[in-house]
Amino acid sequence: MNLHFEELLPEDFSPSSRVWIYQSSRLFAISEALEIEEMLREFVAQWNSHGAPVKGYGNLFFGQFIILMADESATSVGGCSTDSSVRLIKSIENKFGVQLFDRQLLAFVVKDKLQLVPLPQLKYASENQFITGDSLYFNNTVQTKGELQNNWIIPVRESWLASRIDFRSKEVAKGA
């Protein structure tokens, strides 16, 4: 699985640009992805904050992650403009029958494929070696372009999930 996405990000946006990541509960079909990308383009073209155009960007990554970005060095994004982006995401949810606000659904790269694991099943997945400390995790808590570039796809052991799983005992047992 090719995980290089950085070249798709706008180069002229500040590293402090705000980022919102919405992870889908399933992979979108190609026809759906094309339609979503068009919806994102249309939204970004008319995205305003207090009457001023937002320097925005939207794209679908890996067929499952909608990323919206606003470069606030040009125009700050207020509550109403954030609400308009949430309305867009909710309309995508309704139109395509997916969940985009479920923060309990975690995404990992397992055997070179994107796999979703519900948070309550994380311990089970770890105990059964489905997820290890070296498994790549999509850290959807990133908030800026700089964090997206450097800390979105990271090993589980470097994420907030590391405090929820004890990988040492499994690795010692595996090496014994």
Protein backbone atom coordinates (compact mmCIF):
# COMPACT_ATOMS: atom_id res chain seq x y z
CA MET A 1 0.00 0.00 0.00
CA ASN A 2 1.48 3.31 -1.08
CA LEU A 3 1.24 5.64 1.93
CA HIS A 4 2.81 8.68 0.31
CA PHE A 5 0.20 11.41 0.38
CA GLU A 6 2.31 14.48 1.14
CA GLU A 7 2.70 15.46 -2.52
CA LEU A 8 -1.10 15.83 -2.75
CA LEU A 9 -1.15 18.56 -0.11
CA PRO A 10 -1.09 22.17 -1.26
CA GLU A 11 2.47 23.49 -1.09
CA ASP A 12 1.38 27.11 -0.65
CA PHE A 13 -0.48 26.44 2.63
CA SER A 14 1.17 27.31 5.94
CA PRO A 15 2.29 24.38 8.13
CA SER A 16 -0.06 25.83 10.78
CA SER A 17 -3.10 25.48 8.47
CA ARG A 18 -6.01 23.87 10.33
CA VAL A 19 -6.89 20.30 9.40
CA TRP A 20 -10.03 18.23 9.91
CA ILE A 21 -9.96 14.50 9.17
CA TYR A 22 -13.14 12.50 8.67
CA GLN A 23 -12.63 8.75 8.43
CA SER A 24 -15.27 6.72 6.65
CA SER A 25 -16.64 3.52 8.10
CA ARG A 26 -15.92 1.87 4.75
CA LEU A 27 -13.92 2.30 1.58
CA PHE A 28 -15.70 4.39 -1.04
CA ALA A 29 -16.29 2.93 -4.50
CA ILE A 30 -14.48 4.74 -7.31
CA SER A 31 -17.71 6.33 -8.56
CA GLU A 32 -18.47 7.54 -5.02
CA ALA A 33 -14.93 8.85 -4.58
CA LEU A 34 -15.15 10.88 -7.77
CA GLU A 35 -18.46 12.37 -6.66
CA ILE A 36 -17.11 13.18 -3.19
CA GLU A 37 -14.03 14.86 -4.64
CA GLU A 38 -16.31 17.03 -6.79
CA MET A 39 -18.41 17.91 -3.73
CA LEU A 40 -15.22 18.89 -1.89
CA ARG A 41 -14.02 21.04 -4.80
CA GLU A 42 -17.36 22.84 -4.96
CA PHE A 43 -17.43 23.38 -1.21
CA VAL A 44 -13.89 24.75 -1.03
CA ALA A 45 -14.57 27.09 -3.97
CA GLN A 46 -17.41 28.78 -2.07
CA TRP A 47 -16.11 28.35 1.54
CA ASN A 48 -16.38 31.70 3.34
CA SER A 49 -15.78 33.00 6.83
CA HIS A 50 -17.62 36.20 7.74
CA GLY A 51 -17.98 37.01 4.05
CA ALA A 52 -14.29 36.52 3.23
CA PRO A 53 -13.15 33.56 1.12
CA VAL A 54 -11.37 30.81 3.05
CA LYS A 55 -8.13 29.57 1.52
CA GLY A 56 -9.28 25.98 1.68
CA TYR A 57 -8.45 22.54 0.43
CA GLY A 58 -10.40 19.29 0.46
CA ASN A 59 -9.54 15.84 -0.80
CA LEU A 60 -10.25 12.15 -0.31
CA PHE A 61 -7.22 10.10 0.72
CA PHE A 62 -6.83 6.33 0.47
CA GLY A 63 -10.49 6.11 -0.57
CA GLN A 64 -11.55 6.46 3.05
CA PHE A 65 -10.36 9.74 4.63
CA ILE A 66 -11.85 13.13 3.84
CA ILE A 67 -9.39 15.88 4.70
CA LEU A 68 -10.37 19.52 4.86
CA MET A 69 -7.74 22.19 5.37
CA ALA A 70 -7.94 25.93 5.90
CA ASP A 71 -4.92 28.23 5.72
CA GLU A 72 -5.79 30.74 8.40
CA SER A 73 -2.86 32.99 7.53
CA ALA A 74 -5.25 34.43 4.94
CA THR A 75 -8.67 34.23 6.65
CA SER A 76 -9.49 32.76 10.06
CA VAL A 77 -12.19 30.12 10.13
CA GLY A 78 -15.03 31.01 12.48
CA GLY A 79 -17.87 28.97 13.91
CA CYS A 80 -20.25 29.51 11.00
CA SER A 81 -17.67 28.44 8.41
CA THR A 82 -16.78 25.38 10.50
CA ASP A 83 -20.50 24.58 10.76
CA SER A 84 -20.80 24.75 6.97
CA SER A 85 -18.01 22.17 6.61
CA VAL A 86 -19.75 19.90 9.14
CA ARG A 87 -22.98 20.19 7.12
CA LEU A 88 -21.05 19.08 4.03
CA ILE A 89 -19.64 16.06 5.85
CA LYS A 90 -23.08 15.14 7.20
CA SER A 91 -24.52 15.38 3.69
CA ILE A 92 -21.81 12.97 2.47
CA GLU A 93 -22.68 10.61 5.34
CA ASN A 94 -26.35 10.64 4.37
CA LYS A 95 -25.82 10.39 0.63
CA PHE A 96 -23.38 7.46 0.79
CA GLY A 97 -24.63 5.66 3.91
CA VAL A 98 -21.38 5.88 5.86
CA GLN A 99 -20.27 7.08 9.27
CA LEU A 100 -17.73 9.91 9.26
CA PHE A 101 -17.89 11.05 12.90
CA ASP A 102 -17.20 7.74 14.68
CA ARG A 103 -14.02 8.44 16.66
CA GLN A 104 -14.18 4.94 18.19
CA LEU A 105 -13.29 3.34 14.84
CA LEU A 106 -9.51 3.19 14.44
CA ALA A 107 -7.63 2.70 11.16
CA PHE A 108 -4.43 0.70 10.76
CA VAL A 109 -2.32 -0.70 7.97
CA VAL A 110 -2.35 -4.47 8.38
CA LYS A 111 -0.85 -6.80 5.77
CA ASP A 112 -0.54 -3.86 3.39
CA LYS A 113 -4.26 -2.99 3.62
CA LEU A 114 -6.31 -0.44 5.50
CA GLN A 115 -8.14 -2.18 8.34
CA LEU A 116 -10.63 -0.71 10.82
CA VAL A 117 -10.75 -1.81 14.45
CA PRO A 118 -13.35 -0.55 16.94
CA LEU A 119 -11.65 0.90 20.03
CA PRO A 120 -13.28 -1.66 22.37
CA GLN A 121 -11.63 -4.43 20.31
CA LEU A 122 -8.14 -2.90 20.38
CA LYS A 123 -6.91 -5.03 23.29
CA TYR A 124 -8.16 -8.21 21.60
CA ALA A 125 -6.50 -7.18 18.31
CA SER A 126 -3.24 -6.60 20.16
CA GLU A 127 -3.37 -9.81 22.16
CA ASN A 128 -3.88 -11.76 18.94
CA GLN A 129 -1.03 -9.97 17.13
CA PHE A 130 -3.39 -8.36 14.59
CA ILE A 131 -2.00 -5.01 15.81
CA THR A 132 1.56 -4.64 17.10
CA GLY A 133 3.59 -1.68 18.32
CA ASP A 134 5.02 -1.39 14.82
CA SER A 135 1.62 -1.41 13.07
CA LEU A 136 0.94 1.85 11.27
CA TYR A 137 -1.92 3.85 12.73
CA PHE A 138 -3.87 6.73 11.18
CA ASN A 139 -3.72 9.35 13.91
CA ASN A 140 -6.80 11.38 13.04
CA THR A 141 -6.22 13.71 16.01
CA VAL A 142 -3.72 15.83 14.05
CA GLN A 143 -4.85 19.44 13.80
CA THR A 144 -2.44 21.20 11.43
CA LYS A 145 -0.88 20.63 8.03
CA GLY A 146 2.52 20.18 9.69
CA GLU A 147 1.14 17.51 12.04
CA LEU A 148 -0.63 15.84 9.12
CA GLN A 149 2.62 15.59 7.18
CA ASN A 150 4.66 14.29 10.12
CA ASN A 151 2.30 12.55 12.54
CA TRP A 152 -0.75 11.26 10.69
CA ILE A 153 0.51 7.78 9.79
CA ILE A 154 2.67 6.60 12.67
CA PRO A 155 3.57 3.37 14.48
CA VAL A 156 1.07 2.51 17.21
CA ARG A 157 3.83 2.70 19.83
CA GLU A 158 4.27 6.42 19.01
CA SER A 159 0.56 7.21 19.26
CA TRP A 160 -1.85 7.92 22.10
CA LEU A 161 -2.93 4.26 21.81
CA ALA A 162 0.40 3.08 23.22
CA SER A 163 -0.78 3.88 26.76
CA ARG A 164 -3.77 1.54 26.26
CA ILE A 165 -1.78 -1.50 25.12
CA ASP A 166 1.17 -3.30 26.71
CA PHE A 167 3.29 -4.43 23.78
CA ARG A 168 6.36 -5.38 25.83
CA SER A 169 5.02 -8.68 27.17
CA LYS A 170 4.07 -9.87 23.67
CA GLU A 171 7.41 -8.86 22.19
CA VAL A 172 9.34 -10.60 25.00
CA ALA A 173 7.24 -13.74 24.52
CA LYS A 174 7.69 -13.54 20.75
CA GLY A 175 11.48 -13.31 21.12
CA ALA A 176 11.68 -16.16 23.64
